[in-house]
Amino acid sequence: MSDYQIINTNPADLPVVYWLFEEAIAYQKRNNYIPWNGFDKDILQQDIDSKRQYKIVINREIVCIFSVLNSDPFIWQEKEDGRALYIHRVVVNPAHHGQNHFKKIVTWVIDYALSVGKKSIRMDTWGDNPKIIEYYKKFGFRFIEFYTTGCQTELAVQNRNLK
């Protein structure tokens, strides 16, 4: 395994962050997945400003980004109980697909969750991609349910009205 760091992104990383999202949408389209309906630059900026977005860096290259939230009432609705930490907006640099970076994220987030008194970690994904659901199950996540999100402005654009 390569030496890597998981550290916060910073404003200077925004061009790379935007590029990663553009590449993720292109990947979704190429593979006939229902693609994100754009991405929310304001929420990405908020994630950086609030120190909620992280990057995996190998040899000074950003190979993956993800955000961590302390609560997620708009996705988890009545299931939001304050006991979980939430993984959001995981995007892998296309040059680094298939290198098991998600395992690094899960390991890091579990340790971080415990350090801040959280009892579990959660994440969501779109329901029209059973392959990604099965992939996340390999890391110990359990499928909870299918539902469609609302269109609240607090949700990132790519998470609005999403199954």
Foldseek 3Di string as FASTA:
>chain_A
DADKDKFADAPVCLVVLQVLLVVQQVVCVVVVHDGFPHWFSVVVVVQRVVSQKIFIDGPNDGFKMKGKAQWDCQVCPPNTDSQEIEIGDITGDVVCPPVPVVLVVVVVRVVVSVVVRHDYYDYDDFPRDVVVVVVVVVVVDDDDDDDFTDADPVDISRRHRGD
